[in-house]
């Protein structure tokens, strides 16, 4: 082997070493980039999992709250059906009070009315307290009509309560019907 051949072999070895170094560097770089990609994917999946978990927790809380509300107002239909009966009792008591001879009848009707009212209030029904002279609020009162105010201080206020309002828990199931002074 001549010098020229040796130089060529040395050059070939250097080229092979350079190629090997380049390949090793590329492999190391590709391993690093694969590692980085895996970490990124893992972070993305963790974030997805945390979001899904939070959404599920919110769903559980929301459905539990809706369930409690449903139990509180489950008897709303029955209560709405009972309200006209309460109104009839109140009318009967008003008419019986006018008749002085029906005192015993009034006591019996009053006992039944109070028992019914107590039973309904135990189930969550409550009367909305509205009286003549109170300020009118469209959010909680239902105005039937307006009449000229009997006095200046009743302008824009409630003159008469035609029908009482009731709540079941915190929900208004019947708004009080009122007459407003102009």
N, C-alpha and C. Protein backbone atom coordinates (compact mmCIF):
# COMPACT_ATOMS: atom_id res chain seq x y z
N UNK A 1 0.83 -1.17 0.00
CA UNK A 1 0.00 0.00 0.00
C UNK A 1 0.87 1.22 0.00
N UNK A 2 0.52 2.02 -0.90
CA UNK A 2 1.31 3.22 -1.03
C UNK A 2 0.75 4.32 -0.14
N UNK A 3 1.47 5.39 -0.11
CA UNK A 3 1.08 6.53 0.70
C UNK A 3 -0.26 7.05 0.24
N UNK A 4 -0.46 7.02 -1.04
CA UNK A 4 -1.71 7.50 -1.58
C UNK A 4 -2.85 6.63 -1.10
N UNK A 5 -2.62 5.34 -1.10
CA UNK A 5 -3.67 4.42 -0.65
C UNK A 5 -3.93 4.60 0.83
N UNK A 6 -2.86 4.77 1.62
CA UNK A 6 -3.02 4.97 3.06
C UNK A 6 -3.82 6.24 3.33
N UNK A 7 -3.47 7.31 2.61
CA UNK A 7 -4.19 8.56 2.79
C UNK A 7 -5.67 8.39 2.43
N UNK A 8 -5.90 7.62 1.39
CA UNK A 8 -7.28 7.39 0.98
C UNK A 8 -8.02 6.59 2.05
N UNK A 9 -7.37 5.57 2.63
CA UNK A 9 -7.99 4.75 3.68
C UNK A 9 -8.24 5.62 4.90
N UNK A 10 -7.29 6.47 5.25
CA UNK A 10 -7.45 7.37 6.40
C UNK A 10 -8.60 8.32 6.14
N UNK A 11 -8.68 8.85 4.94
CA UNK A 11 -9.77 9.76 4.58
C UNK A 11 -11.12 9.03 4.63
N UNK A 12 -11.11 7.78 4.16
CA UNK A 12 -12.36 7.02 4.21
C UNK A 12 -12.77 6.76 5.65
N UNK A 13 -11.76 6.45 6.50
CA UNK A 13 -12.07 6.22 7.92
C UNK A 13 -12.62 7.49 8.55
N UNK A 14 -12.04 8.61 8.22
CA UNK A 14 -12.51 9.88 8.77
C UNK A 14 -13.94 10.15 8.30
N UNK A 15 -14.21 9.87 7.04
CA UNK A 15 -15.56 10.07 6.51
C UNK A 15 -16.53 9.15 7.23
N UNK A 16 -16.13 7.88 7.42
CA UNK A 16 -16.99 6.91 8.11
C UNK A 16 -17.21 7.37 9.54
N UNK A 17 -16.15 7.82 10.23
CA UNK A 17 -16.29 8.30 11.61
C UNK A 17 -17.21 9.52 11.68
N UNK A 18 -17.04 10.41 10.71
CA UNK A 18 -17.90 11.59 10.68
C UNK A 18 -19.35 11.18 10.47
N UNK A 19 -19.58 10.25 9.52
CA UNK A 19 -20.94 9.76 9.27
C UNK A 19 -21.50 9.08 10.52
N UNK A 20 -20.65 8.30 11.18
CA UNK A 20 -21.09 7.61 12.41
C UNK A 20 -21.42 8.64 13.48
N UNK A 21 -20.57 9.64 13.65
CA UNK A 21 -20.83 10.71 14.64
C UNK A 21 -22.12 11.44 14.30
N UNK A 22 -22.30 11.72 13.03
CA UNK A 22 -23.51 12.41 12.59
C UNK A 22 -24.72 11.54 12.87
N UNK A 23 -24.64 10.26 12.59
CA UNK A 23 -25.75 9.34 12.83
C UNK A 23 -26.03 9.23 14.32
N UNK A 24 -24.98 9.15 15.13
CA UNK A 24 -25.14 9.08 16.59
C UNK A 24 -25.79 10.37 17.09
N UNK A 25 -25.31 11.50 16.59
CA UNK A 25 -25.89 12.79 16.99
C UNK A 25 -27.36 12.87 16.57
N UNK A 26 -27.64 12.41 15.35
CA UNK A 26 -29.02 12.44 14.87
C UNK A 26 -29.90 11.53 15.72
N UNK A 27 -29.37 10.34 16.07
CA UNK A 27 -30.12 9.42 16.91
C UNK A 27 -30.37 10.03 18.29
N UNK A 28 -29.33 10.68 18.84
CA UNK A 28 -29.50 11.33 20.15
C UNK A 28 -30.53 12.45 20.05
N UNK A 29 -30.44 13.22 18.97
CA UNK A 29 -31.40 14.31 18.78
C UNK A 29 -32.80 13.76 18.59
N UNK A 30 -32.94 12.69 17.83
CA UNK A 30 -34.26 12.12 17.62
C UNK A 30 -34.81 11.52 18.91
N UNK A 31 -33.92 10.92 19.73
CA UNK A 31 -34.36 10.40 21.02
C UNK A 31 -34.85 11.54 21.90
N UNK A 32 -34.13 12.66 21.89
CA UNK A 32 -34.51 13.83 22.68
C UNK A 32 -35.84 14.37 22.18
N UNK A 33 -36.02 14.46 20.87
CA UNK A 33 -37.27 15.00 20.34
C UNK A 33 -38.42 14.04 20.61
N UNK A 34 -38.18 12.73 20.57
CA UNK A 34 -39.22 11.75 20.89
C UNK A 34 -39.59 11.89 22.36
N UNK A 35 -38.59 12.06 23.21
CA UNK A 35 -38.83 12.25 24.65
C UNK A 35 -39.67 13.50 24.88
N UNK A 36 -39.30 14.58 24.20
CA UNK A 36 -40.05 15.83 24.35
C UNK A 36 -41.49 15.67 23.87
N UNK A 37 -41.67 14.97 22.76
CA UNK A 37 -43.01 14.73 22.25
C UNK A 37 -43.83 13.90 23.24
N UNK A 38 -43.19 12.89 23.80
CA UNK A 38 -43.89 12.05 24.78
C UNK A 38 -44.30 12.87 26.01
N UNK A 39 -43.40 13.74 26.47
CA UNK A 39 -43.73 14.59 27.61
C UNK A 39 -44.87 15.54 27.28
N UNK A 40 -44.83 16.11 26.08
CA UNK A 40 -45.91 17.01 25.65
C UNK A 40 -47.25 16.26 25.58
N UNK A 41 -47.22 15.07 25.00
CA UNK A 41 -48.44 14.26 24.92
C UNK A 41 -48.95 13.89 26.30
N UNK A 42 -48.04 13.55 27.18
CA UNK A 42 -48.43 13.22 28.55
C UNK A 42 -49.06 14.42 29.25
N UNK A 43 -48.46 15.58 29.07
CA UNK A 43 -49.02 16.81 29.66
C UNK A 43 -50.41 17.09 29.10
N UNK A 44 -50.57 16.92 27.79
CA UNK A 44 -51.88 17.16 27.17
C UNK A 44 -52.92 16.19 27.73
N UNK A 45 -52.54 14.93 27.85
CA UNK A 45 -53.48 13.92 28.37
C UNK A 45 -53.82 14.19 29.84
N UNK A 46 -52.84 14.63 30.61
CA UNK A 46 -53.11 14.99 32.02
C UNK A 46 -54.10 16.14 32.09
N UNK A 47 -53.90 17.14 31.24
CA UNK A 47 -54.80 18.29 31.21
C UNK A 47 -56.21 17.87 30.82
N UNK A 48 -56.31 17.00 29.80
CA UNK A 48 -57.62 16.49 29.38
C UNK A 48 -58.30 15.75 30.53
N UNK A 49 -57.52 14.92 31.21
CA UNK A 49 -58.06 14.15 32.33
C UNK A 49 -58.55 15.08 33.44
N UNK A 50 -57.77 16.09 33.79
CA UNK A 50 -58.17 17.02 34.84
C UNK A 50 -59.43 17.79 34.46
N UNK A 51 -59.52 18.20 33.21
CA UNK A 51 -60.72 18.90 32.75
C UNK A 51 -61.95 17.99 32.81
N UNK A 52 -61.78 16.76 32.36
CA UNK A 52 -62.88 15.80 32.38
C UNK A 52 -63.31 15.50 33.82
N UNK A 53 -62.35 15.37 34.70
CA UNK A 53 -62.65 15.12 36.11
C UNK A 53 -63.41 16.30 36.71
N UNK A 54 -62.96 17.52 36.40
CA UNK A 54 -63.64 18.72 36.92
C UNK A 54 -65.06 18.81 36.36
N UNK A 55 -65.22 18.52 35.07
CA UNK A 55 -66.56 18.53 34.47
C UNK A 55 -67.47 17.52 35.14
N UNK A 56 -66.95 16.34 35.44
CA UNK A 56 -67.74 15.31 36.10
C UNK A 56 -68.13 15.73 37.51
N UNK A 57 -67.21 16.34 38.24
CA UNK A 57 -67.52 16.83 39.59
C UNK A 57 -68.61 17.89 39.54
N UNK A 58 -68.53 18.80 38.58
CA UNK A 58 -69.56 19.83 38.41
C UNK A 58 -70.90 19.19 38.07
N UNK A 59 -70.88 18.17 37.22
CA UNK A 59 -72.10 17.46 36.85
C UNK A 59 -72.73 16.81 38.09
N UNK A 60 -71.92 16.16 38.91
CA UNK A 60 -72.44 15.53 40.12
C UNK A 60 -73.06 16.57 41.05
N UNK A 61 -72.38 17.69 41.23
CA UNK A 61 -72.90 18.75 42.11
C UNK A 61 -74.21 19.31 41.57
N UNK A 62 -74.25 19.57 40.26
CA UNK A 62 -75.44 20.13 39.64
C UNK A 62 -76.63 19.18 39.75
N UNK A 63 -76.41 17.90 39.47
CA UNK A 63 -77.51 16.95 39.55
C UNK A 63 -77.98 16.75 40.98
N UNK A 64 -77.08 16.80 41.94
CA UNK A 64 -77.49 16.69 43.35
C UNK A 64 -78.35 17.88 43.74
N UNK A 65 -77.94 19.07 43.29
CA UNK A 65 -78.71 20.28 43.59
C UNK A 65 -80.09 20.21 42.94
N UNK A 66 -80.14 19.77 41.68
CA UNK A 66 -81.42 19.65 40.97
C UNK A 66 -82.33 18.64 41.67
N UNK A 67 -81.74 17.57 42.16
CA UNK A 67 -82.50 16.55 42.86
C UNK A 67 -83.12 17.10 44.14
N UNK A 68 -82.33 17.85 44.89
CA UNK A 68 -82.84 18.46 46.13
C UNK A 68 -83.98 19.41 45.80
N UNK A 69 -83.81 20.22 44.75
CA UNK A 69 -84.87 21.15 44.34
C UNK A 69 -86.12 20.39 43.92
N UNK A 70 -85.94 19.27 43.25
CA UNK A 70 -87.07 18.47 42.81
C UNK A 70 -87.84 17.93 44.01
N UNK A 71 -87.12 17.45 45.01
CA UNK A 71 -87.79 16.94 46.20
C UNK A 71 -88.53 18.05 46.94
N UNK A 72 -87.93 19.25 46.95
CA UNK A 72 -88.58 20.37 47.64
C UNK A 72 -89.88 20.78 46.96
N UNK A 73 -89.90 20.73 45.64
CA UNK A 73 -91.07 21.22 44.90
C UNK A 73 -91.85 20.10 44.23
N UNK A 74 -91.63 18.86 44.65
CA UNK A 74 -92.33 17.73 44.03
C UNK A 74 -93.83 17.81 44.26
N UNK A 75 -94.22 18.40 45.35
CA UNK A 75 -95.65 18.46 45.69
C UNK A 75 -96.30 19.73 45.16
N UNK A 76 -95.67 20.41 44.23
CA UNK A 76 -96.19 21.68 43.72
C UNK A 76 -97.57 21.51 43.10
N UNK A 77 -97.78 20.45 42.33
CA UNK A 77 -99.09 20.23 41.69
C UNK A 77 -100.19 20.05 42.73
N UNK A 78 -99.88 19.28 43.76
CA UNK A 78 -100.87 19.05 44.83
C UNK A 78 -101.17 20.36 45.54
N UNK A 79 -100.12 21.13 45.82
CA UNK A 79 -100.31 22.41 46.51
C UNK A 79 -101.16 23.36 45.67
N UNK A 80 -100.88 23.42 44.38
CA UNK A 80 -101.66 24.29 43.50
C UNK A 80 -103.13 23.87 43.47
N UNK A 81 -103.37 22.57 43.56
CA UNK A 81 -104.76 22.08 43.58
C UNK A 81 -105.44 22.41 44.91
N UNK A 82 -104.67 22.54 45.98
CA UNK A 82 -105.24 22.81 47.31
C UNK A 82 -105.50 24.30 47.54
N UNK A 83 -104.85 25.16 46.81
CA UNK A 83 -105.01 26.61 47.03
C UNK A 83 -106.45 27.09 46.86
N UNK A 84 -107.19 26.66 45.85
CA UNK A 84 -108.59 27.09 45.76
C UNK A 84 -109.43 26.64 46.96
N UNK A 85 -109.08 25.49 47.52
CA UNK A 85 -109.79 25.01 48.71
C UNK A 85 -109.51 25.94 49.89
N UNK A 86 -108.26 26.38 50.02
CA UNK A 86 -107.93 27.36 51.08
C UNK A 86 -108.72 28.65 50.88
N UNK A 87 -108.79 29.10 49.63
CA UNK A 87 -109.55 30.32 49.33
C UNK A 87 -111.02 30.15 49.71
N UNK A 88 -111.58 28.98 49.39
CA UNK A 88 -112.99 28.72 49.74
C UNK A 88 -113.19 28.72 51.25
N UNK A 89 -112.26 28.14 51.98
CA UNK A 89 -112.36 28.16 53.44
C UNK A 89 -112.35 29.60 53.96
N UNK A 90 -111.45 30.42 53.41
CA UNK A 90 -111.37 31.81 53.87
C UNK A 90 -112.66 32.57 53.57
N UNK A 91 -113.23 32.33 52.38
CA UNK A 91 -114.50 32.98 52.05
C UNK A 91 -115.62 32.50 52.99
N UNK A 92 -115.64 31.20 53.25
CA UNK A 92 -116.66 30.65 54.15
C UNK A 92 -116.52 31.26 55.55
N UNK A 93 -115.31 31.38 56.03
CA UNK A 93 -115.10 31.98 57.35
C UNK A 93 -115.55 33.43 57.38
N UNK A 94 -115.31 34.16 56.31
CA UNK A 94 -115.74 35.56 56.24
C UNK A 94 -117.26 35.66 56.30
N UNK A 95 -117.95 34.81 55.57
CA UNK A 95 -119.43 34.86 55.56
C UNK A 95 -120.02 34.35 56.87
N UNK A 96 -119.38 33.35 57.46
CA UNK A 96 -119.89 32.82 58.72
C UNK A 96 -119.73 33.84 59.84
N UNK A 97 -118.67 34.64 59.80
CA UNK A 97 -118.46 35.67 60.82
C UNK A 97 -119.58 36.70 60.81
N UNK A 98 -120.12 36.94 59.62
CA UNK A 98 -121.22 37.91 59.51
C UNK A 98 -122.51 37.36 60.14
N UNK A 99 -122.68 36.05 60.14
CA UNK A 99 -123.88 35.42 60.71
C UNK A 99 -123.60 35.10 62.18
N UNK A 100 -124.25 35.81 63.07
CA UNK A 100 -124.00 35.66 64.52
C UNK A 100 -124.58 34.35 65.06
N UNK A 101 -125.55 33.78 64.40
CA UNK A 101 -126.18 32.56 64.89
C UNK A 101 -125.35 31.30 64.60
N UNK A 102 -124.40 31.37 63.69
CA UNK A 102 -123.63 30.19 63.28
C UNK A 102 -122.26 30.13 63.96
N UNK A 103 -122.20 30.46 65.24
CA UNK A 103 -120.93 30.49 65.98
C UNK A 103 -120.30 29.10 66.04
N UNK A 104 -121.08 28.07 66.32
CA UNK A 104 -120.55 26.71 66.41
C UNK A 104 -120.05 26.24 65.05
N UNK A 105 -120.78 26.57 64.02
CA UNK A 105 -120.35 26.22 62.67
C UNK A 105 -119.03 26.90 62.34
N UNK A 106 -118.91 28.17 62.72
CA UNK A 106 -117.67 28.92 62.48
C UNK A 106 -116.50 28.25 63.19
N UNK A 107 -116.69 27.81 64.42
CA UNK A 107 -115.60 27.17 65.18
C UNK A 107 -115.16 25.88 64.48
N UNK A 108 -116.11 25.09 64.01
CA UNK A 108 -115.78 23.84 63.32
C UNK A 108 -115.03 24.09 62.01
N UNK A 109 -115.52 25.03 61.24
CA UNK A 109 -114.86 25.36 59.97
C UNK A 109 -113.47 25.93 60.24
N UNK A 110 -113.34 26.74 61.26
CA UNK A 110 -112.04 27.32 61.62
C UNK A 110 -111.05 26.24 62.04
N UNK A 111 -111.51 25.24 62.78
CA UNK A 111 -110.63 24.13 63.17
C UNK A 111 -110.13 23.36 61.95
N UNK A 112 -111.04 23.07 61.04
CA UNK A 112 -110.65 22.33 59.83
C UNK A 112 -109.69 23.18 58.98
N UNK A 113 -109.99 24.46 58.85
CA UNK A 113 -109.13 25.37 58.07
C UNK A 113 -107.73 25.42 58.67
N UNK A 114 -107.65 25.58 59.98
CA UNK A 114 -106.34 25.66 60.65
C UNK A 114 -105.56 24.34 60.49
N UNK A 115 -106.27 23.22 60.59
CA UNK A 115 -105.61 21.93 60.42
C UNK A 115 -105.06 21.79 59.00
N UNK A 116 -105.85 22.17 58.01
CA UNK A 116 -105.39 22.12 56.63
C UNK A 116 -104.19 23.05 56.41
N UNK A 117 -104.28 24.25 56.93
CA UNK A 117 -103.20 25.23 56.79
C UNK A 117 -101.92 24.73 57.46
N UNK A 118 -102.04 24.12 58.63
CA UNK A 118 -100.88 23.59 59.35
C UNK A 118 -100.24 22.45 58.57
N UNK A 119 -101.07 21.56 58.04
CA UNK A 119 -100.55 20.43 57.27
C UNK A 119 -99.81 20.91 56.03
N UNK A 120 -100.38 21.87 55.33
CA UNK A 120 -99.73 22.39 54.12
C UNK A 120 -98.45 23.14 54.46
N UNK A 121 -98.45 23.85 55.56
CA UNK A 121 -97.24 24.59 55.94
C UNK A 121 -96.12 23.63 56.36
N UNK A 122 -96.47 22.48 56.91
CA UNK A 122 -95.47 21.47 57.24
C UNK A 122 -94.82 20.91 55.97
N UNK A 123 -95.55 20.93 54.88
CA UNK A 123 -95.02 20.45 53.60
C UNK A 123 -94.31 21.54 52.82
N UNK A 124 -94.16 22.72 53.41
CA UNK A 124 -93.37 23.78 52.77
C UNK A 124 -94.15 24.94 52.23
N UNK A 125 -95.48 24.93 52.34
CA UNK A 125 -96.30 26.03 51.81
C UNK A 125 -96.30 27.19 52.81
N UNK A 126 -96.10 28.39 52.31
CA UNK A 126 -96.17 29.57 53.18
C UNK A 126 -96.91 30.69 52.46
N UNK A 127 -97.62 31.47 53.24
CA UNK A 127 -98.41 32.57 52.70
C UNK A 127 -97.51 33.78 52.51
N UNK A 128 -97.69 34.47 51.40
CA UNK A 128 -96.95 35.72 51.17
C UNK A 128 -97.73 36.85 51.83
N UNK A 129 -97.09 37.53 52.73
CA UNK A 129 -97.75 38.60 53.47
C UNK A 129 -97.81 39.87 52.62
N UNK A 130 -99.01 40.23 52.19
CA UNK A 130 -99.23 41.43 51.39
C UNK A 130 -100.46 42.12 51.98
N UNK A 131 -100.34 43.42 52.23
CA UNK A 131 -101.46 44.17 52.80
C UNK A 131 -101.68 45.45 52.00
N UNK A 132 -102.86 46.00 52.16
CA UNK A 132 -103.15 47.29 51.53
C UNK A 132 -102.20 48.34 52.11
N UNK A 133 -101.66 49.15 51.23
CA UNK A 133 -100.72 50.19 51.65
C UNK A 133 -99.27 49.82 51.37
N UNK A 134 -99.01 48.57 51.08
CA UNK A 134 -97.65 48.14 50.73
C UNK A 134 -97.28 48.67 49.35
N UNK A 135 -95.99 48.85 49.12
CA UNK A 135 -95.52 49.27 47.80
C UNK A 135 -95.72 48.14 46.80
N UNK A 136 -96.10 48.51 45.59
CA UNK A 136 -96.29 47.53 44.53
C UNK A 136 -94.93 47.15 43.95
N UNK A 137 -94.69 45.84 43.81
CA UNK A 137 -93.47 45.33 43.21
C UNK A 137 -93.89 44.32 42.13
N UNK A 138 -93.62 44.64 40.89
CA UNK A 138 -94.06 43.79 39.77
C UNK A 138 -93.41 42.41 39.80
N UNK A 139 -92.28 42.27 40.50
CA UNK A 139 -91.61 40.98 40.57
C UNK A 139 -92.33 39.99 41.48
N UNK A 140 -93.04 40.51 42.49
CA UNK A 140 -93.68 39.60 43.45
C UNK A 140 -95.20 39.79 43.55
N UNK A 141 -95.76 40.76 42.83
CA UNK A 141 -97.22 40.98 42.84
C UNK A 141 -97.76 40.90 41.42
N UNK A 142 -99.01 40.51 41.32
CA UNK A 142 -99.69 40.50 40.02
C UNK A 142 -100.80 41.54 40.09
N UNK A 143 -100.67 42.60 39.29
CA UNK A 143 -101.66 43.67 39.30
C UNK A 143 -102.84 43.28 38.42
N UNK A 144 -104.03 43.29 39.01
CA UNK A 144 -105.23 42.96 38.26
C UNK A 144 -105.77 44.21 37.58
N UNK A 145 -105.83 45.28 38.33
CA UNK A 145 -106.35 46.53 37.79
C UNK A 145 -105.80 47.71 38.57
N UNK A 146 -106.06 48.89 38.03
CA UNK A 146 -105.69 50.13 38.73
C UNK A 146 -106.98 50.93 38.93
N UNK A 147 -107.08 51.52 40.09
CA UNK A 147 -108.24 52.38 40.38
C UNK A 147 -107.72 53.71 40.89
N UNK A 148 -108.55 54.74 40.84
CA UNK A 148 -108.10 56.01 41.42
C UNK A 148 -107.84 55.80 42.91
N UNK A 149 -106.71 56.32 43.35
CA UNK A 149 -106.31 56.13 44.75
C UNK A 149 -107.27 56.86 45.67
N UNK A 150 -107.75 56.19 46.74
CA UNK A 150 -108.65 56.84 47.68
C UNK A 150 -107.98 58.01 48.42
N UNK A 151 -106.65 57.95 48.56
CA UNK A 151 -105.91 59.05 49.19
C UNK A 151 -104.56 59.19 48.48
N UNK A 152 -103.92 60.33 48.70
CA UNK A 152 -102.65 60.62 48.03
C UNK A 152 -101.56 59.63 48.42
N UNK A 153 -101.56 59.15 49.64
CA UNK A 153 -100.48 58.27 50.09
C UNK A 153 -100.60 56.86 49.51
N UNK A 154 -101.72 56.51 48.87
CA UNK A 154 -101.89 55.20 48.25
C UNK A 154 -101.59 55.19 46.75
N UNK A 155 -101.13 56.30 46.18
CA UNK A 155 -100.79 56.33 44.75
C UNK A 155 -99.56 55.45 44.50
N UNK A 156 -99.73 54.52 43.56
CA UNK A 156 -98.63 53.59 43.24
C UNK A 156 -98.46 52.47 44.25
N UNK A 157 -99.39 52.39 45.19
CA UNK A 157 -99.32 51.36 46.22
C UNK A 157 -100.52 50.42 46.09
N UNK A 158 -100.48 49.36 46.86
CA UNK A 158 -101.55 48.37 46.83
C UNK A 158 -102.74 48.91 47.60
N UNK A 159 -103.90 48.91 46.94
CA UNK A 159 -105.14 49.37 47.56
C UNK A 159 -105.91 48.19 48.16
N UNK A 160 -105.91 47.05 47.42
CA UNK A 160 -106.66 45.89 47.88
C UNK A 160 -105.96 44.61 47.42
N UNK A 161 -106.07 43.55 48.23
CA UNK A 161 -105.54 42.24 47.87
C UNK A 161 -106.73 41.36 47.51
N UNK A 162 -106.82 40.98 46.23
CA UNK A 162 -107.95 40.19 45.75
C UNK A 162 -107.73 38.70 46.04
N UNK A 163 -106.51 38.22 45.83
CA UNK A 163 -106.19 36.81 46.06
C UNK A 163 -104.80 36.71 46.68
N UNK A 164 -104.67 35.93 47.73
CA UNK A 164 -103.39 35.79 48.44
C UNK A 164 -102.40 35.01 47.59
N UNK A 165 -101.14 35.29 47.84
CA UNK A 165 -100.07 34.58 47.15
C UNK A 165 -99.44 33.56 48.07
N UNK A 166 -98.84 32.52 47.49
CA UNK A 166 -98.22 31.46 48.27
C UNK A 166 -96.88 31.06 47.68
N UNK A 167 -95.99 30.61 48.58
CA UNK A 167 -94.68 30.10 48.18
C UNK A 167 -94.59 28.64 48.62
N UNK A 168 -93.88 27.86 47.83
CA UNK A 168 -93.52 26.51 48.21
C UNK A 168 -92.01 26.49 48.34
N UNK A 169 -91.55 26.49 49.57
CA UNK A 169 -90.12 26.67 49.83
C UNK A 169 -89.77 28.11 49.49
N UNK A 170 -88.86 28.29 48.57
CA UNK A 170 -88.47 29.64 48.13
C UNK A 170 -89.12 30.01 46.81
N UNK A 171 -89.84 29.09 46.21
CA UNK A 171 -90.43 29.32 44.89
C UNK A 171 -91.86 29.82 45.05
N UNK A 172 -92.18 30.90 44.34
CA UNK A 172 -93.54 31.44 44.35
C UNK A 172 -94.39 30.57 43.42
N UNK A 173 -95.45 29.96 43.99
CA UNK A 173 -96.31 29.11 43.15
C UNK A 173 -97.59 29.84 42.76
N UNK A 174 -97.93 30.90 43.51
CA UNK A 174 -99.05 31.75 43.09
C UNK A 174 -98.76 33.16 43.59
N UNK A 175 -98.72 34.09 42.65
CA UNK A 175 -98.46 35.49 42.99
C UNK A 175 -99.74 36.11 43.57
N UNK A 176 -99.58 37.00 44.54
CA UNK A 176 -100.77 37.67 45.07
C UNK A 176 -101.36 38.61 44.03
N UNK A 177 -102.67 38.56 43.87
CA UNK A 177 -103.36 39.44 42.90
C UNK A 177 -103.84 40.67 43.65
N UNK A 178 -103.41 41.83 43.17
CA UNK A 178 -103.67 43.08 43.88
C UNK A 178 -104.27 44.15 42.98
N UNK A 179 -104.87 45.13 43.64
CA UNK A 179 -105.40 46.32 42.95
C UNK A 179 -104.49 47.48 43.35
N UNK A 180 -104.10 48.28 42.36
CA UNK A 180 -103.15 49.38 42.60
C UNK A 180 -103.88 50.71 42.48
N UNK A 181 -103.48 51.65 43.33
CA UNK A 181 -104.03 53.01 43.26
C UNK A 181 -103.26 53.87 42.28
N UNK A 182 -104.00 54.68 41.48
CA UNK A 182 -103.36 55.58 40.51
C UNK A 182 -103.18 56.95 41.10
